[in-house]
Amino acid sequence: MLAVAILAAGRGTRMKSTLPKVLHSVGGKSMVERVLQSLTTVDPSRCFVIVGYGSDQVKQTLKHLSSIEFVEQAQQLGTGHAVQQVIPYLQDFQGDLLVLNGDVPLLRPETLQNLVQQHQTHQNAATLLTAQMANPSGYGRVFCDDQNRVTAIVEDRDCSITQKQNCRINAGVYCFNWPQLATALPQLQTNNDQQEYYLTDVVKLLSPVMAVDVADSQEIQGINNRKQLAAAAMMLQNRIKDHWMAAGVTLIEPNSITIDETVELAPDVIVEPQTHLRGQTQVGSGSRLGPGSLIENSQLAENVTVLYSVVSDSTVAAQTRIGPYAHLRGQAVVGAGCRVGNFVELKKAEVGDRTNIAHLSYIGDATLGNQVNVGAGTITANYDGYQKHRTTIGDRTKTGSNSVFVAPINIGEAVTVGAGSVVTKDVPDDCLVVARAKQTVIPGWKPKPMRPDQEA
């Protein structure tokens, strides 16, 4: 059996924030959620999150995870003290305890799986995750024999010149045999500069202890300030973008693109510079996104083009062109083979196949049929000051430029709407509707002092 304890009690003063450090976001998820996500392959029987500063906020963030057990650390007296708090919860537990830090968000599930497997295979009392760093300055060094059994852990400031040549550092991730750890934890003392209980001190009390190197040292980067937070986000982005390029997606100028790990891209998608893909977004093969577009929580089918536009919480069918400078939001649904062009906004609108809304229009709370042609400047006036109302426009209808439809209203099929019309009543199929004042021409209307043929 395996239990997990995640240390998430600290404030993180160097973040300069009232938000608990572990709740700061990396790539759209809080750090502590990313740590929990890394547990997918080890399948723990119990999972403890040790909380302290901002505990209510941490609990609120993780309330959707019913398997989490929260443990209070009222005073933050070090990592050893944090793990001591789970002793009452594991009185009769005979398995292993995996200890993670809530501010180390880039661990891969495979890394933790390998750590646990090595620990259990060798029947260790403790197994440390370590890393070989090109520049280990500032990190505690881990010294091992030729069997990777740990002989000493020395803090950087205490290392001799020779010891500082050792590049193996402690990642702060441990797997313990719980009965042995439970015996050692009460023996911890605060004989150090910080007067805290260090979890590393239990290593001297346990045997055997083994080190397992992580393949990619970036995985164990801890976050203590905003600069490190930004660096972690960049590492995660590089990981995500490498994955999609290997899967057949073209990223033009990858450094200018961001992609949430929740996004799904089919092969042969092309992502242009300055494009950002967020949330539960799915994009079909052959689609071209950007440049300069934001797409979030939306589903785009095959061969969709989105140019300099924003698409949020919407669905777009195949062969449709969006933009430039269009905005789809509020569960807009656009059919196949459509054009939604320059400076068009769709809000909670359903648009049929092969319908064109080419420019300068607002279509809100509306249902448009197939092969509708919407003239420039068309507006569905959906709000009466109290409630939103719906406009329905039938197949093959054409609206003239600067038409206004005052909802609630139903326009039939094959209707032609004259330019500049303000339509306030339902229109049956196959009609011409003109709803504007008759043009009146009044010659010589200016007062005499304003006429050009009059002398001043």
Protein backbone atom coordinates (compact mmCIF):
# COMPACT_ATOMS: atom_id res chain seq x y z
CA MET A 1 0.00 0.00 0.00
CA LEU A 2 1.07 3.56 -0.66
CA ALA A 3 0.03 6.80 1.05
CA VAL A 4 1.02 10.27 -0.12
CA ALA A 5 1.67 13.43 1.89
CA ILE A 6 1.88 16.74 0.02
CA LEU A 7 3.45 19.63 1.91
CA ALA A 8 1.28 22.68 1.17
CA ALA A 9 1.26 24.71 4.39
CA GLY A 10 3.71 27.51 3.58
CA ARG A 11 2.85 31.08 2.69
CA GLY A 12 5.70 31.65 0.26
CA THR A 13 6.68 35.16 1.33
CA ARG A 14 8.93 35.65 -1.69
CA MET A 15 5.89 35.42 -3.95
CA LYS A 16 4.76 38.79 -2.47
CA SER A 17 1.16 37.63 -2.47
CA THR A 18 -1.75 37.00 -0.13
CA LEU A 19 -2.50 33.86 -2.13
CA PRO A 20 -0.94 30.68 -0.68
CA LYS A 21 2.09 29.76 -2.73
CA VAL A 22 0.76 26.36 -3.83
CA LEU A 23 -2.31 28.02 -5.39
CA HIS A 24 -0.33 30.10 -7.86
CA SER A 25 -1.04 28.93 -11.37
CA VAL A 26 1.33 27.24 -13.80
CA GLY A 27 -0.16 26.70 -17.25
CA GLY A 28 -3.75 27.14 -16.12
CA LYS A 29 -3.61 24.94 -12.99
CA SER A 30 -2.49 25.61 -9.45
CA MET A 31 0.84 24.12 -8.43
CA VAL A 32 -0.75 21.79 -5.88
CA GLU A 33 -3.22 20.49 -8.49
CA ARG A 34 -0.30 19.70 -10.78
CA VAL A 35 1.43 17.79 -7.99
CA LEU A 36 -1.76 15.78 -7.42
CA GLN A 37 -1.96 15.17 -11.17
CA SER A 38 1.48 13.55 -11.10
CA LEU A 39 0.10 10.73 -8.90
CA THR A 40 -1.88 9.07 -11.69
CA THR A 41 0.47 6.12 -12.11
CA VAL A 42 1.18 5.34 -8.44
CA ASP A 43 -2.48 5.05 -7.36
CA PRO A 44 -2.17 5.85 -3.63
CA SER A 45 -4.66 4.38 -1.16
CA ARG A 46 -4.65 7.61 0.86
CA CYS A 47 -3.64 11.15 -0.05
CA PHE A 48 -2.96 13.84 2.56
CA VAL A 49 -2.54 17.53 1.82
CA ILE A 50 -0.87 19.27 4.75
CA VAL A 51 -2.24 22.81 4.97
CA GLY A 52 -1.47 25.85 7.08
CA TYR A 53 -1.39 29.36 5.66
CA GLY A 54 -4.57 30.04 3.67
CA SER A 55 -5.88 26.57 4.45
CA ASP A 56 -9.47 27.54 3.62
CA GLN A 57 -8.41 28.70 0.16
CA VAL A 58 -6.48 25.49 -0.48
CA LYS A 59 -9.41 23.37 0.67
CA GLN A 60 -11.80 25.35 -1.54
CA THR A 61 -9.56 24.88 -4.58
CA LEU A 62 -9.35 21.12 -4.03
CA LYS A 63 -12.91 20.50 -2.85
CA HIS A 64 -13.77 18.69 -6.10
CA LEU A 65 -11.29 15.94 -5.18
CA SER A 66 -13.17 13.74 -2.74
CA SER A 67 -10.20 11.46 -2.05
CA ILE A 68 -8.10 14.24 -0.45
CA GLU A 69 -7.62 14.27 3.34
CA PHE A 70 -6.56 17.63 4.76
CA VAL A 71 -4.16 17.76 7.70
CA GLU A 72 -3.60 21.01 9.60
CA GLN A 73 -0.09 22.23 10.41
CA ALA A 74 -0.95 25.16 12.66
CA GLN A 75 2.69 26.22 13.07
CA GLN A 76 5.10 25.84 10.17
CA LEU A 77 8.16 24.39 11.90
CA GLY A 78 9.83 22.68 8.96
CA THR A 79 9.38 19.74 6.63
CA GLY A 80 9.92 17.14 9.35
CA HIS A 81 7.30 18.82 11.52
CA ALA A 82 4.86 18.80 8.58
CA VAL A 83 5.19 15.04 8.11
CA GLN A 84 4.85 14.53 11.87
CA GLN A 85 1.28 15.79 11.53
CA VAL A 86 0.18 12.65 9.66
CA ILE A 87 1.27 10.28 12.45
CA PRO A 88 -2.22 10.16 14.04
CA TYR A 89 -3.77 9.34 10.65
CA LEU A 90 -1.46 6.37 9.94
CA GLN A 91 -1.37 4.61 13.30
CA ASP A 92 -1.84 1.10 11.90
CA PHE A 93 -0.50 1.72 8.39
CA GLN A 94 2.15 -0.77 7.24
CA GLY A 95 2.85 0.52 3.73
CA ASP A 96 5.01 3.25 2.22
CA LEU A 97 4.67 7.03 2.39
CA LEU A 98 5.52 9.20 -0.63
CA VAL A 99 6.33 12.77 0.43
CA LEU A 100 5.99 15.57 -2.14
CA ASN A 101 6.22 19.35 -2.06
CA GLY A 102 3.22 21.35 -3.22
CA ASP A 103 5.48 23.89 -4.94
CA VAL A 104 7.22 21.41 -7.29
CA PRO A 105 4.68 21.27 -10.14
CA LEU A 106 6.63 19.73 -13.04
CA LEU A 107 7.12 16.15 -11.83
CA ARG A 108 6.12 13.57 -14.41
CA PRO A 109 3.98 10.60 -13.32
CA GLU A 110 6.61 8.21 -14.72
CA THR A 111 9.24 9.73 -12.45
CA LEU A 112 7.21 9.04 -9.31
CA GLN A 113 6.30 5.57 -10.53
CA ASN A 114 10.01 4.76 -10.99
CA LEU A 115 10.85 6.15 -7.53
CA VAL A 116 8.21 4.00 -5.83
CA GLN A 117 9.18 0.90 -7.81
CA GLN A 118 12.88 1.29 -6.94
CA HIS A 119 11.98 1.83 -3.29
CA GLN A 120 9.82 -1.28 -3.09
CA THR A 121 12.08 -3.49 -5.20
CA HIS A 122 15.09 -2.80 -2.96
CA GLN A 123 13.00 -2.81 0.23
CA ASN A 124 14.55 0.47 1.30
CA ALA A 125 13.78 2.30 4.50
CA ALA A 126 13.92 5.50 2.44
CA THR A 127 14.47 6.38 -1.21
CA LEU A 128 15.37 9.91 -2.28
CA LEU A 129 14.71 11.46 -5.66
CA THR A 130 17.92 13.17 -6.74
CA ALA A 131 19.18 15.02 -9.79
CA GLN A 132 22.51 15.60 -11.48
CA MET A 133 22.78 19.38 -11.90
CA ALA A 134 25.32 21.12 -14.12
CA ASN A 135 25.37 23.96 -11.61
CA PRO A 136 24.38 22.60 -8.19
CA SER A 137 25.33 25.76 -6.30
CA GLY A 138 22.88 26.45 -3.48
CA TYR A 139 21.57 22.89 -3.28
CA GLY A 140 22.31 20.28 -0.65
CA ARG A 141 24.55 17.51 -2.02
CA VAL A 142 23.74 13.80 -1.79
CA PHE A 143 26.69 11.42 -1.45
CA CYS A 144 26.29 7.76 -2.41
CA ASP A 145 28.33 4.58 -2.65
CA ASP A 146 28.64 2.55 -5.86
CA GLN A 147 25.22 0.94 -5.17
CA ASN A 148 23.51 4.37 -4.96
CA ARG A 149 23.06 3.91 -1.23
CA VAL A 150 23.10 7.31 0.48
CA THR A 151 26.07 7.87 2.79
CA ALA A 152 25.51 11.57 3.57
CA ILE A 153 23.50 14.67 2.76
CA VAL A 154 25.44 17.91 3.18
CA GLU A 155 23.99 21.41 2.85
CA ASP A 156 25.72 23.61 0.28
CA ARG A 157 27.04 26.04 2.88
CA ASP A 158 28.62 23.16 4.80
CA CYS A 159 30.32 21.51 1.81
CA SER A 160 34.08 21.49 1.47
CA ILE A 161 35.64 22.54 -1.82
CA THR A 162 35.94 18.87 -2.79
CA GLN A 163 32.36 18.07 -1.78
CA LYS A 164 31.07 20.96 -3.88
CA GLN A 165 32.32 19.13 -6.97
CA ASN A 166 29.53 16.58 -6.42
CA CYS A 167 26.66 17.43 -8.79
CA ARG A 168 23.98 15.17 -7.25
CA ILE A 169 21.42 17.24 -5.36
CA ASN A 170 18.43 16.41 -3.19
CA ALA A 171 15.09 17.00 -4.94
CA GLY A 172 13.06 17.00 -1.72
CA VAL A 173 10.92 14.06 -2.87
CA TYR A 174 11.00 10.93 -0.73
CA CYS A 175 9.49 7.49 -0.43
CA PHE A 176 9.63 6.01 3.08
CA ASN A 177 8.79 2.74 4.72
CA TRP A 178 6.15 4.17 7.03
CA PRO A 179 6.70 2.00 10.16
CA GLN A 180 10.42 2.89 10.12
CA LEU A 181 9.72 6.57 9.44
CA ALA A 182 7.13 6.72 12.21
CA THR A 183 9.84 5.52 14.61
CA ALA A 184 12.35 8.11 13.41
CA LEU A 185 10.11 11.20 13.22
CA PRO A 186 9.80 11.73 17.00
CA GLN A 187 13.61 11.77 17.24
CA LEU A 188 13.98 14.90 15.09
CA GLN A 189 15.50 17.94 16.78
CA THR A 190 15.80 21.64 15.94
CA ASN A 191 19.59 21.97 16.23
CA ASN A 192 19.95 24.21 13.17
CA ASP A 193 19.96 27.87 12.16
CA GLN A 194 16.24 27.88 11.37
CA GLN A 195 15.29 26.00 14.55
CA GLU A 196 13.08 23.74 12.44
CA TYR A 197 12.53 20.00 12.13
CA TYR A 198 14.18 18.91 8.87
CA LEU A 199 12.91 15.80 7.13
CA THR A 200 16.42 15.21 5.73
CA ASP A 201 17.61 14.47 9.27
CA VAL A 202 15.66 11.19 9.35
CA VAL A 203 17.99 9.83 6.67
CA LYS A 204 20.69 9.46 9.35
CA LEU A 205 18.26 7.37 11.40
CA LEU A 206 17.17 4.96 8.65
CA SER A 207 18.85 2.20 6.67
CA PRO A 208 19.11 1.37 3.86
CA VAL A 209 18.56 4.69 2.08
CA MET A 210 18.94 4.88 -1.71
CA ALA A 211 19.10 7.69 -4.25
CA VAL A 212 17.26 7.57 -7.59
CA ASP A 213 18.26 10.16 -10.19
CA VAL A 214 15.58 11.88 -12.24
CA ALA A 215 16.29 11.90 -15.97
CA ASP A 216 15.29 15.55 -16.49
CA SER A 217 16.44 17.87 -13.71
CA GLN A 218 13.86 20.48 -14.74
CA GLU A 219 11.18 18.28 -13.19
CA ILE A 220 12.34 18.98 -9.65
CA GLN A 221 12.46 22.76 -9.89
CA GLY A 222 10.75 24.30 -6.86
CA ILE A 223 8.91 27.62 -7.06
CA ASN A 224 9.76 30.35 -4.56
CA ASN A 225 9.19 33.58 -6.48
CA ARG A 226 7.49 35.00 -9.57
CA LYS A 227 10.58 34.62 -11.74
CA GLN A 228 10.75 30.90 -10.96
CA LEU A 229 6.99 30.67 -11.56
CA ALA A 230 7.46 32.14 -15.04
CA ALA A 231 10.39 29.80 -15.72
CA ALA A 232 8.27 26.78 -14.71
CA ALA A 233 5.47 27.90 -17.02
CA MET A 234 7.98 28.14 -19.88
CA MET A 235 9.32 24.64 -19.13
CA LEU A 236 5.79 23.27 -19.16
CA GLN A 237 5.03 25.06 -22.43
CA ASN A 238 8.16 23.62 -24.03
CA ARG A 239 7.09 20.15 -22.90
CA ILE A 240 3.58 20.61 -24.34
CA LYS A 241 4.77 22.09 -27.63
CA ASP A 242 7.40 19.39 -28.11
CA HIS A 243 4.63 16.82 -27.68
CA TRP A 244 2.38 18.39 -30.31
CA MET A 245 5.13 18.94 -32.85
CA ALA A 246 6.10 15.27 -32.48
CA ALA A 247 2.41 14.43 -33.06
CA GLY A 248 2.29 16.23 -36.42
CA VAL A 249 1.23 19.76 -35.49
CA THR A 250 3.06 22.71 -37.08
CA LEU A 251 3.92 25.56 -34.73
CA ILE A 252 5.25 28.65 -36.46
CA GLU A 253 7.45 30.61 -34.03
CA PRO A 254 6.71 28.33 -31.05
CA ASN A 255 8.10 30.81 -28.53
CA SER A 256 5.24 33.20 -29.29
CA ILE A 257 2.53 30.51 -28.88
CA THR A 258 0.99 29.16 -25.67
CA ILE A 259 -1.03 25.93 -25.39
CA ASP A 260 -2.75 24.59 -22.29
CA GLU A 261 -2.13 20.89 -21.66
CA THR A 262 -5.90 20.32 -21.78
CA VAL A 263 -5.98 21.29 -25.48
CA GLU A 264 -6.32 18.54 -28.12
CA LEU A 265 -4.87 19.06 -31.61
CA ALA A 266 -5.19 16.76 -34.62
CA PRO A 267 -2.29 16.15 -37.04
CA ASP A 268 -1.75 18.81 -39.70
CA VAL A 269 -3.09 21.65 -37.58
CA ILE A 270 -1.05 24.81 -38.17
CA VAL A 271 -0.68 27.31 -35.31
CA GLU A 272 0.58 30.73 -36.38
CA PRO A 273 2.54 33.18 -34.18
CA GLN A 274 0.94 35.00 -31.24
CA THR A 275 -1.86 32.44 -30.94
CA HIS A 276 -3.02 31.12 -27.57
CA LEU A 277 -5.05 27.93 -27.02
CA ARG A 278 -6.80 27.58 -23.68
CA GLY A 279 -8.94 25.20 -21.65
CA GLN A 280 -10.96 22.37 -23.15
CA THR A 281 -10.22 23.26 -26.77
CA GLN A 282 -10.23 20.68 -29.56
CA VAL A 283 -9.05 21.42 -33.12
CA GLY A 284 -9.55 19.21 -36.18
CA SER A 285 -7.03 18.28 -38.84
CA GLY A 286 -6.02 20.87 -41.42
CA SER A 287 -7.18 23.86 -39.39
CA ARG A 288 -5.08 27.01 -39.39
CA LEU A 289 -5.13 29.13 -36.25
CA GLY A 290 -3.80 32.68 -36.19
CA PRO A 291 -1.74 34.67 -36.34
CA GLY A 292 -2.89 36.68 -33.35
CA SER A 293 -5.82 34.54 -32.15
CA LEU A 294 -7.17 33.38 -28.80
CA ILE A 295 -9.23 30.18 -28.70
CA GLU A 296 -10.55 28.89 -25.38
CA ASN A 297 -12.94 26.10 -24.41
CA SER A 298 -14.02 25.70 -28.04
CA GLN A 299 -14.36 22.91 -30.58
CA LEU A 300 -13.14 23.53 -34.12
CA ALA A 301 -13.67 20.90 -36.82
CA GLU A 302 -11.46 20.14 -39.83
CA ASN A 303 -10.04 22.85 -42.08
CA VAL A 304 -11.23 25.80 -40.02
CA THR A 305 -9.36 29.09 -40.34
CA VAL A 306 -9.20 31.60 -37.48
CA LEU A 307 -7.36 34.83 -38.26
CA TYR A 308 -6.76 37.61 -35.67
CA SER A 309 -9.88 36.57 -33.76
CA VAL A 310 -11.20 35.44 -30.37
CA VAL A 311 -13.26 32.25 -30.07
CA SER A 312 -14.58 31.42 -26.58
CA ASP A 313 -16.94 28.66 -25.47
CA SER A 314 -18.06 28.05 -29.05
CA THR A 315 -18.27 25.38 -31.75
CA VAL A 316 -17.22 25.80 -35.39
CA ALA A 317 -17.90 23.21 -38.11
CA ALA A 318 -15.61 22.22 -40.99
CA GLN A 319 -14.39 24.53 -43.76
CA THR A 320 -15.46 27.71 -41.95
CA ARG A 321 -13.41 30.91 -41.96
CA ILE A 322 -13.33 33.16 -38.91
CA GLY A 323 -11.91 36.70 -38.99
CA PRO A 324 -10.02 38.82 -39.17
CA TYR A 325 -11.11 40.55 -35.95
CA ALA A 326 -14.17 38.42 -35.22
CA HIS A 327 -15.40 37.48 -31.75
CA LEU A 328 -17.37 34.29 -31.05
CA ARG A 329 -18.59 33.78 -27.48
CA GLY A 330 -21.35 32.47 -25.26
CA GLN A 331 -21.92 29.05 -26.85
CA ALA A 332 -21.98 30.31 -30.43
CA VAL A 333 -22.43 27.45 -32.92
CA VAL A 334 -21.31 28.01 -36.51
CA GLY A 335 -22.08 25.52 -39.29
CA ALA A 336 -19.91 24.19 -42.09
CA GLY A 337 -18.57 26.29 -44.94
CA CYS A 338 -19.43 29.62 -43.31
CA ARG A 339 -17.66 32.93 -43.27
CA VAL A 340 -17.65 35.06 -40.13
CA GLY A 341 -15.62 38.07 -41.17
CA ASN A 342 -14.24 41.43 -40.20
CA PHE A 343 -15.48 42.89 -36.91
CA VAL A 344 -18.36 40.43 -36.48
CA GLU A 345 -19.51 39.39 -33.02
CA LEU A 346 -21.57 36.27 -32.41
CA LYS A 347 -23.06 35.72 -28.96
CA LYS A 348 -25.23 32.71 -28.16
CA ALA A 349 -25.97 32.41 -31.85
CA GLU A 350 -26.63 29.34 -34.00
CA VAL A 351 -25.53 29.77 -37.59
CA GLY A 352 -26.43 27.24 -40.32
CA ASP A 353 -24.20 25.83 -43.06
CA ARG A 354 -22.81 28.07 -45.84
CA THR A 355 -24.03 31.24 -44.16
CA ASN A 356 -21.98 34.42 -44.58
CA ILE A 357 -21.69 37.19 -42.01
CA ALA A 358 -18.91 39.04 -43.72
CA HIS A 359 -18.39 42.25 -41.77
CA LEU A 360 -19.44 44.77 -39.12
CA SER A 361 -22.35 42.85 -37.58
CA TYR A 362 -23.61 41.85 -34.15
CA ILE A 363 -25.61 38.62 -34.07
CA GLY A 364 -26.70 37.89 -30.51
CA ASP A 365 -29.31 35.43 -29.22
CA ALA A 366 -30.17 34.42 -32.77
CA THR A 367 -30.74 31.38 -34.97
CA LEU A 368 -29.74 31.71 -38.63
CA GLY A 369 -30.56 29.01 -41.18
CA ASN A 370 -28.50 27.69 -44.09
CA GLN A 371 -27.16 29.94 -46.86
CA VAL A 372 -28.16 33.17 -45.14
CA ASN A 373 -26.29 36.25 -46.33
CA VAL A 374 -25.97 38.91 -43.66
CA GLY A 375 -25.22 42.38 -45.00
CA ALA A 376 -22.67 44.69 -43.41
CA GLY A 377 -23.82 46.37 -40.24
CA THR A 378 -26.71 43.99 -39.52
CA ILE A 379 -27.72 43.88 -35.86
CA THR A 380 -30.07 41.67 -33.88
CA ALA A 381 -31.39 44.01 -31.19
CA ASN A 382 -31.79 41.36 -28.51
CA TYR A 383 -32.22 43.39 -25.31
CA ASP A 384 -35.29 45.42 -24.38
CA GLY A 385 -33.78 46.83 -21.21
CA TYR A 386 -35.13 44.01 -19.06
CA GLN A 387 -34.72 40.68 -20.90
CA LYS A 388 -32.85 39.12 -23.82
CA HIS A 389 -34.98 38.00 -26.78
CA ARG A 390 -34.27 35.75 -29.76
CA THR A 391 -34.17 36.42 -33.49
CA THR A 392 -34.78 33.62 -36.02
CA ILE A 393 -33.82 34.03 -39.68
CA GLY A 394 -34.73 31.30 -42.18
CA ASP A 395 -32.72 29.60 -44.94
CA ARG A 396 -31.51 31.62 -47.95
CA THR A 397 -32.58 34.97 -46.48
CA LYS A 398 -30.56 38.07 -47.38
CA THR A 399 -30.32 41.06 -45.09
CA GLY A 400 -29.39 44.44 -46.50
CA SER A 401 -26.65 46.58 -45.02
CA ASN A 402 -27.47 48.29 -41.73
CA SER A 403 -30.55 46.17 -41.06
CA VAL A 404 -31.82 45.93 -37.49
CA PHE A 405 -34.03 43.11 -36.24
CA VAL A 406 -35.85 44.02 -33.03
CA ALA A 407 -36.32 40.77 -31.10
CA PRO A 408 -38.33 38.72 -30.46
CA ILE A 409 -38.83 38.28 -34.17
CA ASN A 410 -39.05 35.53 -36.82
CA ILE A 411 -37.91 36.10 -40.40
CA GLY A 412 -38.96 33.40 -42.88
CA GLU A 413 -37.03 31.61 -45.62
CA ALA A 414 -35.87 33.28 -48.83
CA VAL A 415 -36.67 36.75 -47.48
CA THR A 416 -34.89 39.82 -48.81
CA VAL A 417 -34.52 42.70 -46.37
CA GLY A 418 -33.92 46.14 -47.81
CA ALA A 419 -30.84 48.03 -46.68
CA GLY A 420 -31.32 50.25 -43.66
CA SER A 421 -34.50 48.51 -42.53
CA VAL A 422 -35.58 48.34 -38.90
CA VAL A 423 -37.73 45.21 -38.81
CA THR A 424 -40.06 44.93 -35.80
CA LYS A 425 -42.65 42.37 -36.97
CA ASP A 426 -42.44 38.76 -38.17
CA VAL A 427 -41.94 38.27 -41.93
CA PRO A 428 -43.30 35.21 -43.84
CA ASP A 429 -41.33 33.20 -46.42
CA ASP A 430 -40.34 34.51 -49.84
CA CYS A 431 -40.96 38.20 -49.20
CA LEU A 432 -39.24 41.53 -49.72
CA VAL A 433 -39.40 43.67 -46.60
CA VAL A 434 -38.46 47.34 -46.54
CA ALA A 435 -38.90 49.06 -43.19
CA ARG A 436 -37.58 52.57 -43.53
CA ALA A 437 -38.97 56.02 -44.18
CA LYS A 438 -39.60 56.94 -47.82
CA GLN A 439 -36.73 59.01 -49.20
CA THR A 440 -37.62 62.66 -49.50
CA VAL A 441 -35.56 65.14 -51.54
CA ILE A 442 -36.10 68.83 -50.74
CA PRO A 443 -34.16 71.14 -53.06
CA GLY A 444 -32.95 74.51 -51.86
CA TRP A 445 -33.64 73.69 -48.22
CA LYS A 446 -30.87 75.78 -46.71
CA PRO A 447 -31.70 79.19 -45.22
CA LYS A 448 -30.57 82.07 -47.47
CA PRO A 449 -27.58 83.03 -45.29
CA MET A 450 -26.16 79.50 -45.75
CA ARG A 451 -26.46 79.38 -49.56
CA PRO A 452 -23.17 79.56 -51.45
CA ASP A 453 -24.58 82.04 -54.00
CA GLN A 454 -25.32 84.59 -51.26
CA GLU A 455 -22.72 87.15 -50.36
CA ALA A 456 -21.69 87.32 -46.73
